[in-house]
Each structure stands twice: as structure tokens, then as C-alpha cells.
Amino acid sequence: MPVPAGTVLSMTDAPSGGWVLLLAQLPASPSSPRVTLWRRARAAGAVGLQNGAWVLPATDEHRTFLEGLAAYVRESGGTAYALDVVAGTSDDGIVARIRAERGKEFGEFTERGDALLAELEKESARDNYSFAELEENEQDLERLTRWLATISSRDFFPDERGKDAEALLDRCRRALDAFTAAVYRAEGVAPDLPPRTD
């Protein structure tokens, strides 16, 4: 869930080392370098401040990453600079934007996790305990697990949303474990498994 409008974040939420800023300008055509830049920056958790300006908390890893993006922009015929920026009065707004972006991702994760739990419940109610259904749900859980790891890797200002997402993933794992046991019983693979207790 995004940071509510009007929420005041303290300067302690800002990174003590400041920020790394990427200023990039690419030719209008072809568009693929702009799309690549956008995708790579977003995947790393960078927030676009305005057209061609991306920011990350200042760490060696982020500095190296943005310097690499700057090199990519220059190789693609553009101009780019990766700059260190000291912490300042606008930090709260940057932190709020980063948190809002993670909030959207955690919200989508919650929707998909709840959907997996609902699917397991629906298939259990229908006694649809088949290996095909199990495989489909295992793939869904694997995607959720990878996605949460990705979101968490770019959650630079963690709060309760990350803990809530971990708890949801744990509920999904436990529900899938129970569903797996029911499939094994139904398919005669392990008929001696105890029945579900929840």
C-alpha cells in the first residue's frame, strides 16, 4: 500500500550516504535503448524523478549499476552522467516515491498470494487432487517466492509490508503442503499421510 498523501517521513528515513543520480538523454530513435534503460532502472528499484533522471540510495553497488547504465546510454548514442548527491531537504519526497513504488509491488504480490490461497481452497473443496493441479500450484508458489525476493531486494526502506508479504508467502507454503499431502493420498502415492488438520 502506498504511503498516504500527507505522510511526513523523517530525515532518518533517507539514506545517510545520500543518493546516486543518473541523468540520461537518448536520441528519439530508435526507442529500444530508452526502453532498455527504463526497464533496467526500474528492475533495480530506481525511481524516475523526471524524464531521464533516475535515483537510488548511494551504495557502491548502486553507483556501479548507474555508472554501467550511463555507459550503456553513451554507447547507444546518448549522453549520461552518474552523480553522487548529498542528502538534502528533498529526501523525504524521494523516499516517499520509492516506498510508493514498493507499495504497488507489495499490493500486487498480496493479490496474487491471496489468489493462490483461494485456488487451493477451491480445488480442495472440489476434491480436485491431481498431479496436474499440484504442478500448476507449485509453479505459482515458485513465481511468488522469486517475486518476493525481487521486491525485497529493492525495498530500500523496509516497513511492515515486507513482513506481511513474508507471512502471506508462509501461509501459501503451508496451504500447498497440505494440498500436496491430499494429492499424494488421492493418487495412492502416500496413502498413510495424515489428513489435513486445518
C-alpha atoms as a PDB file:
ATOM      1  CA  MET A   1       0.000   0.000   0.000  1.00  0.00           C
ATOM      2  CA  PRO A   2       1.487   3.341  -0.988  1.00  0.00           C
ATOM      3  CA  VAL A   3       2.488   5.956   1.555  1.00  0.00           C
ATOM      4  CA  PRO A   4      -0.665   8.006   2.187  1.00  0.00           C
ATOM      5  CA  ALA A   5      -0.659  11.570   0.889  1.00  0.00           C
ATOM      6  CA  GLY A   6       0.434  13.999   3.562  1.00  0.00           C
ATOM      7  CA  THR A   7       2.540  11.419   5.417  1.00  0.00           C
ATOM      8  CA  VAL A   8       5.653  13.067   6.784  1.00  0.00           C
ATOM      9  CA  LEU A   9       8.770  10.950   6.737  1.00  0.00           C
ATOM     10  CA  SER A  10      11.669  11.856   8.947  1.00  0.00           C
ATOM     11  CA  MET A  11      15.085  12.544   7.551  1.00  0.00           C
ATOM     12  CA  THR A  12      16.234   9.364   9.286  1.00  0.00           C
ATOM     13  CA  ASP A  13      14.357   7.520   6.513  1.00  0.00           C
ATOM     14  CA  ALA A  14      16.746   8.983   3.939  1.00  0.00           C
ATOM     15  CA  PRO A  15      19.977   7.125   3.206  1.00  0.00           C
ATOM     16  CA  SER A  16      22.817   8.551   5.266  1.00  0.00           C
ATOM     17  CA  GLY A  17      25.175   8.284   2.299  1.00  0.00           C
ATOM     18  CA  GLY A  18      22.968  10.394   0.064  1.00  0.00           C
ATOM     19  CA  TRP A  19      21.912   9.386  -3.420  1.00  0.00           C
ATOM     20  CA  VAL A  20      23.308   8.354  -6.773  1.00  0.00           C
ATOM     21  CA  LEU A  21      21.630  10.235  -9.605  1.00  0.00           C
ATOM     22  CA  LEU A  22      21.624   9.196 -13.260  1.00  0.00           C
ATOM     23  CA  LEU A  23      20.981  11.930 -15.793  1.00  0.00           C
ATOM     24  CA  ALA A  24      20.452  10.388 -19.221  1.00  0.00           C
ATOM     25  CA  GLN A  25      19.391  11.666 -22.603  1.00  0.00           C
ATOM     26  CA  LEU A  26      18.929   9.362 -25.589  1.00  0.00           C
ATOM     27  CA  PRO A  27      18.076  10.101 -29.216  1.00  0.00           C
ATOM     28  CA  ALA A  28      14.366   9.850 -30.087  1.00  0.00           C
ATOM     29  CA  SER A  29      15.022   6.927 -32.397  1.00  0.00           C
ATOM     30  CA  PRO A  30      15.454   4.049 -32.053  1.00  0.00           C
ATOM     31  CA  SER A  31      13.288   3.649 -28.962  1.00  0.00           C
ATOM     32  CA  SER A  32      14.784   0.343 -27.768  1.00  0.00           C
ATOM     33  CA  PRO A  33      17.664   1.954 -25.797  1.00  0.00           C
ATOM     34  CA  ARG A  34      15.152   4.146 -23.901  1.00  0.00           C
ATOM     35  CA  VAL A  35      13.013   1.105 -23.129  1.00  0.00           C
ATOM     36  CA  THR A  36      16.079  -0.871 -22.017  1.00  0.00           C
ATOM     37  CA  LEU A  37      17.196   1.995 -19.779  1.00  0.00           C
ATOM     38  CA  TRP A  38      13.711   2.276 -18.252  1.00  0.00           C
ATOM     39  CA  ARG A  39      13.442  -1.478 -17.624  1.00  0.00           C
ATOM     40  CA  ARG A  40      16.897  -1.829 -16.106  1.00  0.00           C
ATOM     41  CA  ALA A  41      16.474   1.201 -13.849  1.00  0.00           C
ATOM     42  CA  ARG A  42      13.036   0.040 -12.633  1.00  0.00           C
ATOM     43  CA  ALA A  43      14.279  -3.510 -12.078  1.00  0.00           C
ATOM     44  CA  ALA A  44      16.995  -2.152  -9.778  1.00  0.00           C
ATOM     45  CA  GLY A  45      14.437  -0.157  -7.791  1.00  0.00           C
ATOM     46  CA  ALA A  46      15.422   3.254  -9.167  1.00  0.00           C
ATOM     47  CA  VAL A  47      12.779   5.956  -9.182  1.00  0.00           C
ATOM     48  CA  GLY A  48      12.414   8.356 -12.069  1.00  0.00           C
ATOM     49  CA  LEU A  49      12.432  11.918 -10.784  1.00  0.00           C
ATOM     50  CA  GLN A  50      11.651  13.349 -14.210  1.00  0.00           C
ATOM     51  CA  ASN A  51      12.349  12.444 -17.800  1.00  0.00           C
ATOM     52  CA  GLY A  52      15.850  10.976 -17.919  1.00  0.00           C
ATOM     53  CA  ALA A  53      16.641  11.400 -14.200  1.00  0.00           C
ATOM     54  CA  TRP A  54      16.843   8.278 -12.033  1.00  0.00           C
ATOM     55  CA  VAL A  55      17.852   7.999  -8.373  1.00  0.00           C
ATOM     56  CA  LEU A  56      18.946   5.244  -5.992  1.00  0.00           C
ATOM     57  CA  PRO A  57      20.282   5.329  -2.420  1.00  0.00           C
ATOM     58  CA  ALA A  58      24.059   5.770  -2.536  1.00  0.00           C
ATOM     59  CA  THR A  59      25.763   2.417  -2.177  1.00  0.00           C
ATOM     60  CA  ASP A  60      28.770   1.057  -4.037  1.00  0.00           C
ATOM     61  CA  GLU A  61      26.505  -1.436  -5.804  1.00  0.00           C
ATOM     62  CA  HIS A  62      24.041   1.261  -6.913  1.00  0.00           C
ATOM     63  CA  ARG A  63      26.856   3.573  -8.014  1.00  0.00           C
ATOM     64  CA  THR A  64      28.396   0.801 -10.130  1.00  0.00           C
ATOM     65  CA  PHE A  65      24.980  -0.056 -11.564  1.00  0.00           C
ATOM     66  CA  LEU A  66      24.131   3.523 -12.563  1.00  0.00           C
ATOM     67  CA  GLU A  67      27.632   4.063 -13.973  1.00  0.00           C
ATOM     68  CA  GLY A  68      27.020   0.963 -16.104  1.00  0.00           C
ATOM     69  CA  LEU A  69      23.693   2.386 -17.282  1.00  0.00           C
ATOM     70  CA  ALA A  70      25.424   5.680 -18.106  1.00  0.00           C
ATOM     71  CA  ALA A  71      27.960   3.765 -20.213  1.00  0.00           C
ATOM     72  CA  TYR A  72      25.096   1.945 -21.970  1.00  0.00           C
ATOM     73  CA  VAL A  73      23.405   5.271 -22.764  1.00  0.00           C
ATOM     74  CA  ARG A  74      26.629   6.694 -24.210  1.00  0.00           C
ATOM     75  CA  GLU A  75      27.184   3.503 -26.272  1.00  0.00           C
ATOM     76  CA  SER A  76      23.642   3.973 -27.598  1.00  0.00           C
ATOM     77  CA  GLY A  77      24.435   7.478 -28.866  1.00  0.00           C
ATOM     78  CA  GLY A  78      23.191   9.441 -25.873  1.00  0.00           C
ATOM     79  CA  THR A  79      24.703  11.448 -23.059  1.00  0.00           C
ATOM     80  CA  ALA A  80      24.655  10.383 -19.433  1.00  0.00           C
ATOM     81  CA  TYR A  81      26.165  11.170 -16.060  1.00  0.00           C
ATOM     82  CA  ALA A  82      26.080   9.227 -12.804  1.00  0.00           C
ATOM     83  CA  LEU A  83      26.457  11.694  -9.950  1.00  0.00           C
ATOM     84  CA  ASP A  84      26.729  11.441  -6.184  1.00  0.00           C
ATOM     85  CA  VAL A  85      24.226  13.715  -4.457  1.00  0.00           C
ATOM     86  CA  VAL A  86      24.354  14.562  -0.764  1.00  0.00           C
ATOM     87  CA  ALA A  87      21.294  14.127   1.412  1.00  0.00           C
ATOM     88  CA  GLY A  88      19.152  17.229   1.469  1.00  0.00           C
ATOM     89  CA  THR A  89      15.743  18.733   2.045  1.00  0.00           C
ATOM     90  CA  SER A  90      14.052  16.868  -0.826  1.00  0.00           C
ATOM     91  CA  ASP A  91      14.966  13.431   0.536  1.00  0.00           C
ATOM     92  CA  ASP A  92      11.553  12.839   2.110  1.00  0.00           C
ATOM     93  CA  GLY A  93       9.878  13.140  -1.270  1.00  0.00           C
ATOM     94  CA  ILE A  94      12.300  10.693  -2.865  1.00  0.00           C
ATOM     95  CA  VAL A  95      11.861   8.208  -0.024  1.00  0.00           C
ATOM     96  CA  ALA A  96       8.076   8.537  -0.325  1.00  0.00           C
ATOM     97  CA  ARG A  97       8.237   7.823  -4.061  1.00  0.00           C
ATOM     98  CA  ILE A  98      10.436   4.770  -3.544  1.00  0.00           C
ATOM     99  CA  ARG A  99       8.100   3.489  -0.829  1.00  0.00           C
ATOM    100  CA  ALA A 100       5.080   4.120  -3.043  1.00  0.00           C
ATOM    101  CA  GLU A 101       6.646   2.055  -5.832  1.00  0.00           C
ATOM    102  CA  ARG A 102       7.338  -0.819  -3.446  1.00  0.00           C
ATOM    103  CA  GLY A 103       3.817  -0.415  -2.063  1.00  0.00           C
ATOM    104  CA  LYS A 104       2.375  -1.067  -5.518  1.00  0.00           C
ATOM    105  CA  GLU A 105       4.516  -4.174  -5.847  1.00  0.00           C
ATOM    106  CA  PHE A 106       3.615  -5.481  -2.388  1.00  0.00           C
ATOM    107  CA  GLY A 107      -0.066  -4.825  -3.165  1.00  0.00           C
ATOM    108  CA  GLU A 108       0.129  -6.862  -6.370  1.00  0.00           C
ATOM    109  CA  PHE A 109       2.046  -9.595  -4.521  1.00  0.00           C
ATOM    110  CA  THR A 110      -0.729  -9.742  -1.917  1.00  0.00           C
ATOM    111  CA  GLU A 111      -3.386 -10.060  -4.627  1.00  0.00           C
ATOM    112  CA  ARG A 112      -1.546 -12.951  -6.258  1.00  0.00           C
ATOM    113  CA  GLY A 113      -0.810 -14.665  -2.943  1.00  0.00           C
ATOM    114  CA  ASP A 114      -4.469 -14.399  -1.934  1.00  0.00           C
ATOM    115  CA  ALA A 115      -5.421 -15.776  -5.366  1.00  0.00           C
ATOM    116  CA  LEU A 116      -3.198 -18.825  -4.806  1.00  0.00           C
ATOM    117  CA  LEU A 117      -4.771 -19.453  -1.399  1.00  0.00           C
ATOM    118  CA  ALA A 118      -8.257 -19.130  -2.926  1.00  0.00           C
ATOM    119  CA  GLU A 119      -7.324 -21.524  -5.751  1.00  0.00           C
ATOM    120  CA  LEU A 120      -6.045 -24.126  -3.286  1.00  0.00           C
ATOM    121  CA  GLU A 121      -9.202 -23.762  -1.208  1.00  0.00           C
ATOM    122  CA  LYS A 122     -11.439 -24.056  -4.291  1.00  0.00           C
ATOM    123  CA  GLU A 123      -9.669 -27.158  -5.597  1.00  0.00           C
ATOM    124  CA  SER A 124      -9.716 -28.743  -2.149  1.00  0.00           C
ATOM    125  CA  ALA A 125     -13.458 -28.104  -1.833  1.00  0.00           C
ATOM    126  CA  ARG A 126     -13.932 -29.798  -5.209  1.00  0.00           C
ATOM    127  CA  ASP A 127     -11.653 -32.696  -4.183  1.00  0.00           C
ATOM    128  CA  ASN A 128      -9.612 -31.960  -7.294  1.00  0.00           C
ATOM    129  CA  TYR A 129      -6.464 -33.592  -6.008  1.00  0.00           C
ATOM    130  CA  SER A 130      -4.471 -34.280  -9.164  1.00  0.00           C
ATOM    131  CA  PHE A 131      -0.810 -34.052 -10.034  1.00  0.00           C
ATOM    132  CA  ALA A 132      -1.614 -31.585 -12.835  1.00  0.00           C
ATOM    133  CA  GLU A 133      -3.300 -29.224 -10.362  1.00  0.00           C
ATOM    134  CA  LEU A 134      -0.441 -29.705  -7.890  1.00  0.00           C
ATOM    135  CA  GLU A 135       2.166 -28.863 -10.523  1.00  0.00           C
ATOM    136  CA  GLU A 136       0.305 -25.702 -11.542  1.00  0.00           C
ATOM    137  CA  ASN A 137       0.096 -24.519  -7.934  1.00  0.00           C
ATOM    138  CA  GLU A 138       3.748 -25.377  -7.260  1.00  0.00           C
ATOM    139  CA  GLN A 139       4.713 -23.174 -10.217  1.00  0.00           C
ATOM    140  CA  ASP A 140       2.561 -20.352  -8.849  1.00  0.00           C
ATOM    141  CA  LEU A 141       4.288 -20.622  -5.457  1.00  0.00           C
ATOM    142  CA  GLU A 142       7.727 -20.651  -7.094  1.00  0.00           C
ATOM    143  CA  ARG A 143       6.827 -17.461  -9.026  1.00  0.00           C
ATOM    144  CA  LEU A 144       5.591 -15.808  -5.826  1.00  0.00           C
ATOM    145  CA  THR A 145       8.781 -16.800  -3.999  1.00  0.00           C
ATOM    146  CA  ARG A 146      11.013 -15.355  -6.735  1.00  0.00           C
ATOM    147  CA  TRP A 147       8.910 -12.218  -6.993  1.00  0.00           C
ATOM    148  CA  LEU A 148       9.043 -11.528  -3.254  1.00  0.00           C
ATOM    149  CA  ALA A 149      12.825 -11.929  -3.341  1.00  0.00           C
ATOM    150  CA  THR A 150      12.962  -9.385  -6.181  1.00  0.00           C
ATOM    151  CA  ILE A 151      10.699  -6.896  -4.393  1.00  0.00           C
ATOM    152  CA  SER A 152      12.638  -7.300  -1.143  1.00  0.00           C
ATOM    153  CA  SER A 153      15.963  -6.723  -2.905  1.00  0.00           C
ATOM    154  CA  ARG A 154      14.805  -3.242  -3.926  1.00  0.00           C
ATOM    155  CA  ASP A 155      12.871  -2.407  -0.762  1.00  0.00           C
ATOM    156  CA  PHE A 156      15.437   0.138   0.440  1.00  0.00           C
ATOM    157  CA  PHE A 157      13.236   1.469   3.252  1.00  0.00           C
ATOM    158  CA  PRO A 158      11.568  -1.668   4.695  1.00  0.00           C
ATOM    159  CA  ASP A 159       8.457  -1.490   6.824  1.00  0.00           C
ATOM    160  CA  GLU A 160       5.623  -3.825   7.818  1.00  0.00           C
ATOM    161  CA  ARG A 161       4.642  -4.561   4.211  1.00  0.00           C
ATOM    162  CA  GLY A 162       7.660  -6.819   3.759  1.00  0.00           C
ATOM    163  CA  LYS A 163       6.861  -8.753   6.936  1.00  0.00           C
ATOM    164  CA  ASP A 164       3.218  -9.069   5.869  1.00  0.00           C
ATOM    165  CA  ALA A 165       4.301 -10.395   2.475  1.00  0.00           C
ATOM    166  CA  GLU A 166       6.624 -12.957   4.114  1.00  0.00           C
ATOM    167  CA  ALA A 167       3.750 -14.098   6.347  1.00  0.00           C
ATOM    168  CA  LEU A 168       1.462 -14.451   3.313  1.00  0.00           C
ATOM    169  CA  LEU A 169       4.101 -16.479   1.466  1.00  0.00           C
ATOM    170  CA  ASP A 170       4.414 -18.732   4.521  1.00  0.00           C
ATOM    171  CA  ARG A 171       0.614 -19.259   4.537  1.00  0.00           C
ATOM    172  CA  CYS A 172       0.793 -20.157   0.848  1.00  0.00           C
ATOM    173  CA  ARG A 173       3.577 -22.680   1.519  1.00  0.00           C
ATOM    174  CA  ARG A 174       1.627 -24.314   4.337  1.00  0.00           C
ATOM    175  CA  ALA A 175      -1.561 -24.463   2.243  1.00  0.00           C
ATOM    176  CA  LEU A 176       0.356 -26.011  -0.650  1.00  0.00           C
ATOM    177  CA  ASP A 177       1.968 -28.553   1.707  1.00  0.00           C
ATOM    178  CA  ALA A 178      -1.489 -29.619   2.872  1.00  0.00           C
ATOM    179  CA  PHE A 179      -2.737 -29.773  -0.729  1.00  0.00           C
ATOM    180  CA  THR A 180       0.322 -31.842  -1.725  1.00  0.00           C
ATOM    181  CA  ALA A 181      -0.382 -34.364   1.037  1.00  0.00           C
ATOM    182  CA  ALA A 182      -4.002 -34.626  -0.140  1.00  0.00           C
ATOM    183  CA  VAL A 183      -2.867 -35.220  -3.741  1.00  0.00           C
ATOM    184  CA  TYR A 184      -0.457 -37.945  -2.620  1.00  0.00           C
ATOM    185  CA  ARG A 185      -3.240 -39.620  -0.646  1.00  0.00           C
ATOM    186  CA  ALA A 186      -5.741 -39.319  -3.505  1.00  0.00           C
ATOM    187  CA  GLU A 187      -3.277 -40.660  -6.075  1.00  0.00           C
ATOM    188  CA  GLY A 188      -2.257 -43.538  -3.773  1.00  0.00           C
ATOM    189  CA  VAL A 189       1.373 -42.408  -3.643  1.00  0.00           C
ATOM    190  CA  ALA A 190       1.400 -41.978   0.128  1.00  0.00           C
ATOM    191  CA  PRO A 191      -1.975 -43.166   1.474  1.00  0.00           C
ATOM    192  CA  ASP A 192      -0.660 -43.194   5.037  1.00  0.00           C
ATOM    193  CA  LEU A 193      -0.129 -39.416   5.188  1.00  0.00           C
ATOM    194  CA  PRO A 194      -2.258 -37.884   7.922  1.00  0.00           C
ATOM    195  CA  PRO A 195      -5.290 -35.875   6.756  1.00  0.00           C
ATOM    196  CA  ARG A 196      -5.330 -32.083   6.851  1.00  0.00           C
ATOM    197  CA  THR A 197      -5.879 -30.604  10.265  1.00  0.00           C
ATOM    198  CA  ASP A 198      -6.749 -27.064   9.198  1.00  0.00           C
END
